C-alpha atoms as a PDB file:
ATOM      1  CA  MET A   1     -10.361  -9.570   3.047  1.00  0.00           C
ATOM      2  CA  LYS A   2      -9.250 -12.420   0.840  1.00  0.00           C
ATOM      3  CA  PRO A   3      -5.790 -11.562  -0.528  1.00  0.00           C
ATOM      4  CA  PHE A   4      -5.847 -10.436  -4.141  1.00  0.00           C
ATOM      5  CA  TYR A   5      -2.543 -10.503  -5.961  1.00  0.00           C
ATOM      6  CA  PRO A   6      -1.854  -7.909  -8.656  1.00  0.00           C
ATOM      7  CA  TYR A   7      -0.765  -8.784 -12.180  1.00  0.00           C
ATOM      8  CA  PHE A   8       1.968  -6.375 -13.176  1.00  0.00           C
ATOM      9  CA  ASN A   9       4.561  -5.263 -15.719  1.00  0.00           C
ATOM     10  CA  LEU A  10       7.550  -3.034 -15.070  1.00  0.00           C
ATOM     11  CA  PHE A  11       8.422  -0.657 -17.914  1.00  0.00           C
ATOM     12  CA  VAL A  12      11.750   1.103 -18.289  1.00  0.00           C
ATOM     13  CA  LYS A  13      12.234   3.896 -20.800  1.00  0.00           C
ATOM     14  CA  GLU A  14      15.639   3.219 -22.372  1.00  0.00           C
ATOM     15  CA  GLY A  15      18.325   5.804 -21.687  1.00  0.00           C
ATOM     16  CA  THR A  16      16.502   7.369 -18.726  1.00  0.00           C
ATOM     17  CA  GLU A  17      15.683   6.556 -15.156  1.00  0.00           C
ATOM     18  CA  ASN A  18      11.917   6.688 -15.721  1.00  0.00           C
ATOM     19  CA  TYR A  19      10.273   3.536 -14.408  1.00  0.00           C
ATOM     20  CA  ARG A  20       6.573   2.779 -14.652  1.00  0.00           C
ATOM     21  CA  LEU A  21       4.673  -0.036 -13.027  1.00  0.00           C
ATOM     22  CA  ASP A  22       1.417  -1.102 -14.705  1.00  0.00           C
ATOM     23  CA  LEU A  23      -0.894  -3.238 -12.596  1.00  0.00           C
ATOM     24  CA  LEU A  24      -4.229  -4.969 -12.805  1.00  0.00           C
ATOM     25  CA  ILE A  25      -5.820  -5.691  -9.420  1.00  0.00           C
ATOM     26  CA  LYS A  26      -8.861  -7.894  -8.977  1.00  0.00           C
ATOM     27  CA  LEU A  27     -10.787  -7.237  -5.761  1.00  0.00           C
ATOM     28  CA  PRO A  28     -14.286  -7.318  -4.280  1.00  0.00           C
ATOM     29  CA  GLY A  29     -16.707  -4.770  -5.674  1.00  0.00           C
ATOM     30  CA  LYS A  30     -17.213  -2.979  -2.374  1.00  0.00           C
ATOM     31  CA  TYR A  31     -13.709  -1.446  -2.196  1.00  0.00           C
ATOM     32  CA  LYS A  32     -12.506   1.874  -3.579  1.00  0.00           C
ATOM     33  CA  LEU A  33      -8.946   3.170  -3.724  1.00  0.00           C
ATOM     34  CA  ASP A  34      -7.867   5.337  -0.799  1.00  0.00           C
ATOM     35  CA  VAL A  35      -4.194   5.966  -1.609  1.00  0.00           C
ATOM     36  CA  ILE A  36      -1.118   4.463  -3.285  1.00  0.00           C
ATOM     37  CA  ASP A  37       2.032   4.762  -1.202  1.00  0.00           C
ATOM     38  CA  GLN A  38       5.578   3.957  -2.336  1.00  0.00           C
ATOM     39  CA  LYS A  39       8.789   3.992  -0.327  1.00  0.00           C
ATOM     40  CA  TRP A  40      12.106   2.248   0.299  1.00  0.00           C
ATOM     41  CA  ASP A  41      12.086   0.018   3.389  1.00  0.00           C
ATOM     42  CA  GLY A  42      15.804  -0.815   3.402  1.00  0.00           C
ATOM     43  CA  LYS A  43      15.368  -4.162   1.609  1.00  0.00           C
ATOM     44  CA  ALA A  44      12.861  -3.561  -1.193  1.00  0.00           C
ATOM     45  CA  TRP A  45      10.888  -0.829  -2.916  1.00  0.00           C
ATOM     46  CA  LEU A  46       7.370  -1.021  -1.438  1.00  0.00           C
ATOM     47  CA  VAL A  47       4.247  -0.120  -3.377  1.00  0.00           C
ATOM     48  CA  ASN A  48       1.227  -0.246  -1.064  1.00  0.00           C
ATOM     49  CA  PHE A  49      -2.385   0.025  -2.217  1.00  0.00           C
ATOM     50  CA  TYR A  50      -4.910   1.016   0.431  1.00  0.00           C
ATOM     51  CA  PHE A  51      -8.565   0.315  -0.326  1.00  0.00           C
ATOM     52  CA  GLU A  52     -11.506   1.154   1.909  1.00  0.00           C
ATOM     53  CA  ALA A  53     -14.966  -0.371   1.939  1.00  0.00           C
ATOM     54  CA  ASP A  54     -17.768   1.715   0.490  1.00  0.00           C
ATOM     55  CA  SER A  55     -21.361   0.480   0.704  1.00  0.00           C
ATOM     56  CA  GLU A  56     -22.241   2.310  -2.543  1.00  0.00           C
ATOM     57  CA  TYR A  57     -19.721   0.208  -4.452  1.00  0.00           C
ATOM     58  CA  GLU A  58     -21.370  -3.062  -3.335  1.00  0.00           C
ATOM     59  CA  LYS A  59     -24.296  -2.275  -5.600  1.00  0.00           C
ATOM     60  CA  VAL A  60     -22.086  -1.837  -8.668  1.00  0.00           C
ATOM     61  CA  ALA A  61     -20.325  -5.209  -8.979  1.00  0.00           C
ATOM     62  CA  GLU A  62     -19.405  -8.302  -6.982  1.00  0.00           C
ATOM     63  CA  VAL A  63     -15.840  -8.308  -8.344  1.00  0.00           C
ATOM     64  CA  GLN A  64     -13.954  -5.489 -10.017  1.00  0.00           C
ATOM     65  CA  LEU A  65     -10.768  -5.203 -12.058  1.00  0.00           C
ATOM     66  CA  GLN A  66      -8.815  -1.995 -11.597  1.00  0.00           C
ATOM     67  CA  GLU A  67      -5.886  -0.848 -13.753  1.00  0.00           C
ATOM     68  CA  TYR A  68      -3.161   1.371 -12.336  1.00  0.00           C
ATOM     69  CA  SER A  69      -0.080   2.976 -13.865  1.00  0.00           C
ATOM     70  CA  ILE A  70       2.444   4.235 -11.316  1.00  0.00           C
ATOM     71  CA  ASN A  71       5.610   6.203 -11.951  1.00  0.00           C
ATOM     72  CA  LEU A  72       8.221   4.876  -9.551  1.00  0.00           C
ATOM     73  CA  LYS A  73      10.357   7.549  -7.907  1.00  0.00           C
ATOM     74  CA  PRO A  74      13.328   6.020  -6.095  1.00  0.00           C
ATOM     75  CA  GLU A  75      16.256   8.118  -4.899  1.00  0.00           C
ATOM     76  CA  ASP A  76      18.599   5.459  -6.321  1.00  0.00           C
ATOM     77  CA  VAL A  77      17.681   3.238  -9.284  1.00  0.00           C
ATOM     78  CA  LYS A  78      19.307   0.245  -7.531  1.00  0.00           C
ATOM     79  CA  GLN A  79      16.422   0.319  -5.043  1.00  0.00           C
ATOM     80  CA  LEU A  80      14.192  -1.089  -7.787  1.00  0.00           C
ATOM     81  CA  GLU A  81      16.084  -4.389  -7.917  1.00  0.00           C
ATOM     82  CA  LYS A  82      13.429  -5.814  -5.614  1.00  0.00           C
ATOM     83  CA  ILE A  83       9.852  -4.500  -5.687  1.00  0.00           C
ATOM     84  CA  LYS A  84       7.211  -5.621  -3.196  1.00  0.00           C
ATOM     85  CA  MET A  85       3.515  -4.828  -3.654  1.00  0.00           C
ATOM     86  CA  GLN A  86       0.859  -5.108  -0.959  1.00  0.00           C
ATOM     87  CA  VAL A  87      -2.887  -4.588  -1.167  1.00  0.00           C
ATOM     88  CA  TYR A  88      -4.631  -3.523   2.058  1.00  0.00           C
ATOM     89  CA  SER A  89      -8.371  -3.726   2.713  1.00  0.00           C
ATOM     90  CA  MET A  90      -8.331  -0.604   4.886  1.00  0.00           C
ATOM     91  CA  SER A  91      -7.492   3.050   4.454  1.00  0.00           C
ATOM     92  CA  LYS A  92      -3.950   4.261   5.112  1.00  0.00           C
ATOM     93  CA  VAL A  93      -5.063   5.990   8.314  1.00  0.00           C
ATOM     94  CA  GLU A  94      -6.626   2.754   9.603  1.00  0.00           C
ATOM     95  CA  ALA A  95      -3.571   0.718   8.594  1.00  0.00           C
ATOM     96  CA  ASP A  96      -1.183   3.122  10.333  1.00  0.00           C
ATOM     97  CA  GLY A  97      -3.366   3.015  13.448  1.00  0.00           C
ATOM     98  CA  ALA A  98      -3.391  -0.800  13.412  1.00  0.00           C
ATOM     99  CA  LYS A  99       0.397  -1.059  13.587  1.00  0.00           C
ATOM    100  CA  PRO A 100       1.864  -1.768  17.020  1.00  0.00           C
ATOM    101  CA  ASP A 101       3.596   1.006  18.914  1.00  0.00           C
ATOM    102  CA  PRO A 102       7.374   1.124  18.514  1.00  0.00           C
ATOM    103  CA  PRO A 103       9.433  -0.214  21.415  1.00  0.00           C
ATOM    104  CA  GLY A 104       9.170   2.164  24.348  1.00  0.00           C
ATOM    105  CA  GLY A 105       6.123   3.900  22.897  1.00  0.00           C
ATOM    106  CA  GLY A 106       2.526   3.827  23.983  1.00  0.00           C
ATOM    107  CA  GLY A 107       3.246   3.156  27.676  1.00  0.00           C
ATOM    108  CA  THR A 108       2.440   6.641  28.932  1.00  0.00           C
ATOM    109  CA  GLY A 109       0.394   6.536  32.098  1.00  0.00           C
ATOM    110  CA  SER A 110       0.542   2.779  32.626  1.00  0.00           C
ATOM    111  CA  ASP A 111       2.515   1.821  35.722  1.00  0.00           C
ATOM    112  CA  ASN A 112       4.877   4.715  35.233  1.00  0.00           C
ATOM    113  CA  GLY A 113       2.671   7.716  35.954  1.00  0.00           C
ATOM    114  CA  GLU A 114       3.161  10.316  38.638  1.00  0.00           C
ATOM    115  CA  ASN A 115       2.362   9.501  42.242  1.00  0.00           C
ATOM    116  CA  GLU A 116      -0.085  11.792  43.990  1.00  0.00           C
END
């Protein structure tokens, strides 16, 4: 999928720790939202958008603009000093499955199995 970059504004309600991120994402018409995931990765607050292809949506429009309003929920407000947004062209389950195994993982049964 061609990368589509979101246009965004960060809103802070004065006197509170309520933060809201408003976004406008332009993407191909065949994608629908699967899930929005947000978390702290140790360096930045990540907001990930997972979209999956849907053949029914192809008939609707070639390009679509989607608006989103997300309440950010960090444990510490300082985590919002750097916010990183990513748009994925696959569902969260597919994206998690596409990630490589962690070191030492995934080697079960290959060259280290039991001898008969």
